[in-house]
Amino acid sequence: MLTHFGRIHLRPEWKESVVCIGTFDGVHRGHQEVIQTAVAEAARHEIPCALVTFDRHPASTLAPDRKPASIATLEQNLRAFRQMGVGIALVLPFDADMATKTAETFAAEILDDALCARHLVVGHDFALGRGRAGTGEWLAQRYDTQIVPPYLIDGQRVSSTAIRVAIAEGRVEDAAQWLGRPYALAGVVVGGQRLGRQLGYPTANLARPGDQILPADGVYATWVHLEGRAYRGATSIGMRPAVQGTHRTVETYLLDYEGAAFYGEALEVQFVRRIRPEANFDSLEALTAQIAADVAEARVHLSEEATDRAP
C-alpha cells in the first residue's frame, strides 16, 4: 500500500480513482463495509482505490476536552487498510488549517487535484469541511457518490462510541464482535518491579505510546504478538493494590514463552475474555495462588478460542 503523510502534492499518474474518506478509528465492521465497497468499486473499474484519513481524531483539534480515547493506533489502522486491499492511503494532519478548510476547498485540493476522484464511498453519517458542510448528499451533487448505510449486528448499529464503552467496561467479547477481531493494545516492553519473576510468573510491562483506551481493571485471557509470533497470555490491568501500586499498569505473562527478556520490543496484546476484576490479597502467597488459577483459566479460554479459529 502506498502511504502518503502530510500536505499533499501527489501529482498522480492515474487519471481517476475511487476514494473513501473517514477517521476510521479502530476500523470496525461498519468502517470495513465502507472500505471494502470502495475496494470492490475500484477493482470493477480497474482504477486505484484511495483512502483518505487523518493523523489524529478531529476532536483533538476541534474540542480537545471532549476528545475520545483511541481504539487503535494509526499504525494498526494502516495495517488494516492494507489487509483489505487499499492501494493508496493519504494521511492528512487534522490541525487548525484542516479544521477551517471549507468543503469546497477540501474537494478541490484533495479529491480533485491530489486524487482525481471519479467515485466516492462514504458512511451514512459522514461529513467533511468546516461546519461539516460536506455531507454525503452534498458530495453526491458533485461526484458519483455511494453512501453506505449503518452496519447492524442484532439490530444494533456498530459504532466507535459503543466499542469504546464496551472496552472501558471490560466487555472485550462485545468489542471483538463489532470490530471483527479482538481489541488489541499496542506498546513497548519496559522494566518494572520484577515481582512477577520472584513469584514464578515473569511479566512484560507494556508502556503505551499514545492514548489508546484501556479495558476495565482486571485479568484477561490474551493473545500476545511478539516478533511475528503469537503467544498465549494472561494480562493484568490495574493499580496492583496487593503490592501498593501507584498507577495503572498493563502486565502480561506469556504462558509458553521460554526465550530471553524482550525489553524495548514492541508488543500487541489482543484481549479475548475477561477472567475476573482486579482484587486485593492479604499475602504474596494468596496472590501467587490466584495468578496460578488465572493462568490456568486463560489457557482454557485460549485453547477454546484457538479451536474456534481453526478452519
Protein backbone atom coordinates (compact mmCIF):
# COMPACT_ATOMS: atom_id res chain seq x y z
CA MET A 1 0.00 0.00 0.00
CA LEU A 2 1.32 3.43 -0.95
CA THR A 3 1.06 5.63 2.16
CA HIS A 4 1.47 9.40 1.92
CA PHE A 5 1.63 11.62 5.02
CA GLY A 6 1.17 15.35 5.40
CA ARG A 7 0.49 18.17 2.97
CA ILE A 8 -0.35 16.74 -0.40
CA HIS A 9 1.01 17.23 -3.89
CA LEU A 10 0.80 13.69 -5.21
CA ARG A 11 0.70 14.64 -8.91
CA PRO A 12 -0.79 11.24 -9.73
CA GLU A 13 -0.23 9.40 -12.98
CA TRP A 14 -3.70 7.84 -12.68
CA LYS A 15 -6.49 9.81 -14.33
CA GLU A 16 -9.23 8.78 -11.88
CA SER A 17 -9.72 6.85 -8.66
CA VAL A 18 -12.30 5.58 -6.19
CA VAL A 19 -11.97 7.41 -2.87
CA CYS A 20 -13.27 6.63 0.61
CA ILE A 21 -12.84 9.13 3.44
CA GLY A 22 -13.08 8.87 7.21
CA THR A 23 -11.33 8.84 10.56
CA PHE A 24 -11.86 5.06 10.68
CA ASP A 25 -10.75 4.75 14.33
CA GLY A 26 -10.39 1.04 15.03
CA VAL A 27 -11.54 0.08 11.51
CA HIS A 28 -14.64 -1.64 12.88
CA ARG A 29 -17.09 -3.65 10.80
CA GLY A 30 -19.01 -0.55 9.73
CA HIS A 31 -15.77 1.03 8.51
CA GLN A 32 -14.85 -2.23 6.80
CA GLU A 33 -18.10 -2.15 4.85
CA VAL A 34 -17.24 1.33 3.52
CA ILE A 35 -13.66 0.41 2.65
CA GLN A 36 -14.50 -2.95 1.06
CA THR A 37 -17.18 -1.27 -1.05
CA ALA A 38 -14.59 1.22 -2.31
CA VAL A 39 -12.01 -1.52 -3.00
CA ALA A 40 -14.57 -3.54 -4.97
CA GLU A 41 -15.69 -0.49 -6.96
CA ALA A 42 -12.09 0.35 -7.83
CA ALA A 43 -11.45 -3.21 -8.96
CA ARG A 44 -14.60 -3.11 -11.11
CA HIS A 45 -13.37 0.00 -12.93
CA GLU A 46 -9.71 -1.13 -12.91
CA ILE A 47 -8.57 2.08 -11.20
CA PRO A 48 -6.84 2.77 -7.85
CA CYS A 49 -8.67 2.75 -4.53
CA ALA A 50 -7.52 5.71 -2.42
CA LEU A 51 -8.37 6.09 1.26
CA VAL A 52 -8.21 9.49 2.98
CA THR A 53 -7.82 9.57 6.75
CA PHE A 54 -6.29 11.79 9.43
CA ASP A 55 -3.31 11.61 11.76
CA ARG A 56 -5.49 12.23 14.83
CA HIS A 57 -9.14 12.30 15.84
CA PRO A 58 -10.73 15.59 14.65
CA ALA A 59 -11.82 16.33 18.22
CA SER A 60 -8.13 16.64 19.16
CA THR A 61 -8.19 19.99 17.36
CA LEU A 62 -11.87 20.94 17.42
CA ALA A 63 -12.68 20.09 21.05
CA PRO A 64 -9.63 18.74 22.95
CA ASP A 65 -11.53 18.46 26.24
CA ARG A 66 -14.02 16.08 24.59
CA LYS A 67 -11.57 14.02 22.54
CA PRO A 68 -12.29 10.30 22.92
CA ALA A 69 -9.53 7.81 23.61
CA SER A 70 -8.35 6.00 20.50
CA ILE A 71 -9.46 2.46 19.73
CA ALA A 72 -6.35 1.80 17.64
CA THR A 73 -3.04 3.41 16.79
CA LEU A 74 -2.53 4.90 13.35
CA GLU A 75 -0.14 2.04 12.58
CA GLN A 76 -2.82 -0.53 13.44
CA ASN A 77 -5.36 1.28 11.26
CA LEU A 78 -2.94 1.43 8.32
CA ARG A 79 -2.25 -2.29 8.64
CA ALA A 80 -6.00 -2.99 8.49
CA PHE A 81 -6.37 -0.81 5.37
CA ARG A 82 -3.55 -2.70 3.68
CA GLN A 83 -5.08 -6.07 4.53
CA MET A 84 -8.35 -5.00 2.90
CA GLY A 85 -6.67 -4.19 -0.39
CA VAL A 86 -6.46 -0.39 -0.23
CA GLY A 87 -3.89 0.78 -2.78
CA ILE A 88 -3.28 4.35 -1.57
CA ALA A 89 -3.64 5.77 1.96
CA LEU A 90 -3.44 9.54 2.29
CA VAL A 91 -2.92 10.58 5.94
CA LEU A 92 -3.68 14.27 6.46
CA PRO A 93 -2.84 16.32 9.58
CA PHE A 94 -6.04 17.41 11.31
CA ASP A 95 -4.60 20.69 12.50
CA ALA A 96 -6.05 24.20 12.71
CA ASP A 97 -5.70 24.67 8.96
CA MET A 98 -7.62 21.48 8.24
CA ALA A 99 -10.29 22.41 10.79
CA THR A 100 -11.05 25.66 8.95
CA LYS A 101 -10.90 24.24 5.43
CA THR A 102 -14.24 24.51 3.65
CA ALA A 103 -15.86 21.54 1.95
CA GLU A 104 -15.31 23.24 -1.41
CA THR A 105 -11.60 23.70 -0.76
CA PHE A 106 -11.16 20.15 0.54
CA ALA A 107 -12.89 18.77 -2.55
CA ALA A 108 -10.80 20.87 -4.94
CA GLU A 109 -7.42 20.25 -3.27
CA ILE A 110 -7.77 16.66 -2.11
CA LEU A 111 -10.42 14.93 -4.16
CA ASP A 112 -9.83 16.65 -7.49
CA ASP A 113 -6.19 17.75 -7.62
CA ALA A 114 -4.49 15.13 -5.45
CA LEU A 115 -6.55 12.02 -6.13
CA CYS A 116 -8.54 12.60 -9.35
CA ALA A 117 -11.64 11.19 -7.68
CA ARG A 118 -14.19 9.62 -10.01
CA HIS A 119 -16.32 7.83 -7.42
CA LEU A 120 -16.69 8.40 -3.67
CA VAL A 121 -17.74 5.92 -0.98
CA VAL A 122 -18.66 7.33 2.46
CA GLY A 123 -20.53 6.24 5.55
CA HIS A 124 -24.10 7.27 6.32
CA ASP A 125 -23.04 9.85 8.93
CA PHE A 126 -20.04 11.25 7.05
CA ALA A 127 -19.36 14.96 6.58
CA LEU A 128 -16.25 16.95 5.72
CA GLY A 129 -15.17 20.57 5.77
CA ARG A 130 -15.77 23.45 8.15
CA GLY A 131 -19.05 23.08 9.97
CA ARG A 132 -19.44 19.56 8.50
CA ALA A 133 -20.99 21.17 5.42
CA GLY A 134 -19.76 18.48 3.04
CA THR A 135 -22.34 15.80 3.81
CA GLY A 136 -22.88 12.71 1.70
CA GLU A 137 -25.75 14.45 -0.01
CA TRP A 138 -23.54 17.49 -0.74
CA LEU A 139 -20.89 15.23 -2.24
CA ALA A 140 -23.48 13.37 -4.32
CA GLN A 141 -24.32 16.63 -6.09
CA ARG A 142 -20.71 16.88 -7.29
CA TYR A 143 -19.43 13.31 -7.59
CA ASP A 144 -20.69 9.83 -8.28
CA THR A 145 -21.17 9.03 -4.58
CA GLN A 146 -22.18 5.86 -2.76
CA ILE A 147 -23.43 6.30 0.80
CA VAL A 148 -23.09 3.08 2.81
CA PRO A 149 -25.92 2.52 5.35
CA PRO A 150 -25.28 1.74 9.05
CA TYR A 151 -23.86 -1.69 9.80
CA LEU A 152 -26.12 -3.55 12.21
CA ILE A 153 -25.48 -6.56 14.42
CA ASP A 154 -28.53 -7.95 16.21
CA GLY A 155 -30.32 -4.71 15.35
CA GLN A 156 -27.66 -2.51 16.98
CA ARG A 157 -25.61 -0.07 14.92
CA VAL A 158 -21.89 -0.71 15.13
CA SER A 159 -20.11 2.47 16.19
CA SER A 160 -16.76 3.58 17.61
CA THR A 161 -18.59 5.04 20.62
CA ALA A 162 -20.23 1.72 21.51
CA ILE A 163 -16.91 -0.08 21.10
CA ARG A 164 -15.14 2.36 23.45
CA VAL A 165 -17.84 1.83 26.08
CA ALA A 166 -17.56 -1.95 25.78
CA ILE A 167 -13.77 -1.87 26.15
CA ALA A 168 -13.90 0.51 29.13
CA GLU A 169 -16.39 -1.83 30.84
CA GLY A 170 -14.26 -4.93 30.17
CA ARG A 171 -16.74 -6.36 27.65
CA VAL A 172 -13.97 -7.26 25.24
CA GLU A 173 -16.01 -10.02 23.60
CA ASP A 174 -18.65 -7.48 22.55
CA ALA A 175 -15.91 -5.19 21.26
CA ALA A 176 -14.42 -8.06 19.25
CA GLN A 177 -17.78 -8.83 17.66
CA TRP A 178 -18.16 -5.23 16.50
CA LEU A 179 -14.52 -4.85 15.43
CA GLY A 180 -14.45 -8.17 13.61
CA ARG A 181 -11.32 -9.13 15.58
CA PRO A 182 -10.11 -8.91 19.20
CA TYR A 183 -9.36 -5.48 20.60
CA ALA A 184 -5.56 -5.01 20.52
CA LEU A 185 -3.42 -2.77 22.70
CA ALA A 186 -0.01 -1.76 21.32
CA GLY A 187 3.09 -0.71 23.23
CA VAL A 188 6.70 -1.45 24.12
CA VAL A 189 8.10 -3.52 26.99
CA VAL A 190 9.75 -1.63 29.85
CA GLY A 191 11.24 -2.66 33.16
CA GLY A 192 9.10 -2.97 36.30
CA GLN A 193 9.38 -4.19 39.88
CA ARG A 194 10.17 -7.73 38.67
CA LEU A 195 7.83 -9.08 41.34
CA GLY A 196 6.28 -11.48 38.84
CA ARG A 197 9.66 -13.09 38.25
CA GLN A 198 10.06 -13.61 42.01
CA LEU A 199 6.63 -15.27 42.11
CA GLY A 200 7.44 -17.54 39.16
CA TYR A 201 5.37 -15.62 36.63
CA PRO A 202 7.62 -13.05 34.88
CA THR A 203 5.53 -10.39 33.18
CA ALA A 204 6.11 -7.93 30.38
CA ASN A 205 5.18 -4.39 31.42
CA LEU A 206 3.60 -2.59 28.49
CA ALA A 207 4.19 1.15 28.01
CA ARG A 208 1.77 2.68 25.52
CA PRO A 209 2.91 5.34 23.05
CA GLY A 210 -0.44 7.09 22.72
CA ASP A 211 -3.91 7.42 24.14
CA GLN A 212 -5.45 4.03 23.37
CA ILE A 213 -8.38 3.19 25.61
CA LEU A 214 -7.65 0.67 28.36
CA PRO A 215 -10.02 -2.17 29.20
CA ALA A 216 -11.51 -2.17 32.70
CA ASP A 217 -9.17 -3.19 35.51
CA GLY A 218 -8.88 -6.92 35.86
CA VAL A 219 -7.26 -10.03 34.40
CA TYR A 220 -7.79 -11.12 30.79
CA ALA A 221 -7.02 -14.06 28.56
CA THR A 222 -4.99 -12.59 25.71
CA TRP A 223 -3.01 -13.36 22.59
CA VAL A 224 0.37 -11.61 22.64
CA HIS A 225 2.11 -10.86 19.35
CA LEU A 226 5.88 -10.59 19.59
CA GLU A 227 8.36 -10.62 16.69
CA GLY A 228 5.81 -12.07 14.28
CA ARG A 229 4.66 -14.86 16.59
CA ALA A 230 1.53 -15.22 18.73
CA TYR A 231 1.75 -16.49 22.32
CA ARG A 232 -0.98 -17.27 24.81
CA GLY A 233 -1.05 -14.73 27.60
CA ALA A 234 -2.69 -13.67 30.85
CA THR A 235 -2.81 -9.88 31.12
CA SER A 236 -3.48 -7.83 34.24
CA ILE A 237 -4.62 -4.21 34.12
CA GLY A 238 -4.93 -2.06 37.23
CA MET A 239 -3.36 -0.38 40.23
CA ARG A 240 -1.89 -3.58 41.75
CA PRO A 241 -3.28 -2.98 45.26
CA ALA A 242 -1.62 -6.13 46.59
CA VAL A 243 1.80 -4.50 46.11
CA GLN A 244 0.78 -0.88 46.82
CA GLY A 245 0.81 0.20 43.17
CA THR A 246 0.62 3.93 42.47
CA HIS A 247 -0.56 3.97 38.83
CA ARG A 248 -2.40 1.78 36.34
CA THR A 249 -0.21 -0.75 34.59
CA VAL A 250 -0.60 -3.36 31.86
CA GLU A 251 1.35 -6.54 32.67
CA THR A 252 1.34 -9.66 30.53
CA TYR A 253 2.56 -13.15 31.33
CA LEU A 254 3.34 -15.24 28.24
CA LEU A 255 2.19 -18.75 29.03
CA ASP A 256 4.55 -20.71 26.78
CA TYR A 257 7.45 -18.33 26.21
CA GLU A 258 10.89 -19.59 27.19
CA GLY A 259 13.12 -17.08 25.41
CA ALA A 260 15.17 -14.20 26.71
CA ALA A 261 13.73 -10.98 28.13
CA PHE A 262 12.48 -8.60 25.46
CA TYR A 263 12.78 -5.13 26.97
CA GLY A 264 12.29 -2.42 24.38
CA GLU A 265 10.45 -4.75 21.99
CA ALA A 266 7.06 -3.82 20.53
CA LEU A 267 4.11 -5.94 21.66
CA GLU A 268 0.49 -6.14 20.61
CA VAL A 269 -1.91 -7.66 23.14
CA GLN A 270 -5.26 -8.96 21.87
CA PHE A 271 -7.98 -9.22 24.53
CA VAL A 272 -10.09 -12.36 24.25
CA ARG A 273 -12.01 -12.61 27.53
CA ARG A 274 -12.10 -11.03 30.96
CA ILE A 275 -11.33 -13.61 33.64
CA ARG A 276 -12.02 -11.52 36.74
CA PRO A 277 -11.97 -7.93 38.07
CA GLU A 278 -8.94 -6.61 39.95
CA ALA A 279 -8.71 -7.72 43.59
CA ASN A 280 -6.53 -7.21 46.66
CA PHE A 281 -4.78 -10.03 48.51
CA ASP A 282 -3.62 -10.40 52.10
CA SER A 283 -0.31 -12.03 51.21
CA LEU A 284 2.03 -12.77 48.33
CA GLU A 285 1.17 -16.46 48.78
CA ALA A 286 -2.50 -15.71 48.15
CA LEU A 287 -1.56 -13.55 45.15
CA THR A 288 0.62 -16.33 43.72
CA ALA A 289 -2.17 -18.87 44.09
CA GLN A 290 -4.59 -16.55 42.30
CA ILE A 291 -2.11 -15.95 39.47
CA ALA A 292 -1.79 -19.71 39.00
CA ALA A 293 -5.59 -20.01 38.80
CA ASP A 294 -5.76 -17.07 36.35
CA VAL A 295 -3.12 -18.63 34.09
CA ALA A 296 -4.93 -21.97 34.10
CA GLU A 297 -8.22 -20.29 33.21
CA ALA A 298 -6.57 -18.21 30.48
CA ARG A 299 -5.11 -21.35 28.97
CA VAL A 300 -8.57 -22.97 28.82
CA HIS A 301 -10.19 -19.93 27.22
CA LEU A 302 -7.42 -19.52 24.66
CA SER A 303 -7.46 -23.21 23.77
CA GLU A 304 -11.19 -22.92 23.11
CA GLU A 305 -10.69 -19.71 21.12
CA ALA A 306 -7.92 -21.31 19.04
CA THR A 307 -10.25 -24.21 18.24
CA ASP A 308 -12.96 -21.76 17.15
CA ARG A 309 -10.48 -20.06 14.82
CA ALA A 310 -9.46 -23.30 13.14
CA PRO A 311 -10.87 -23.91 9.62
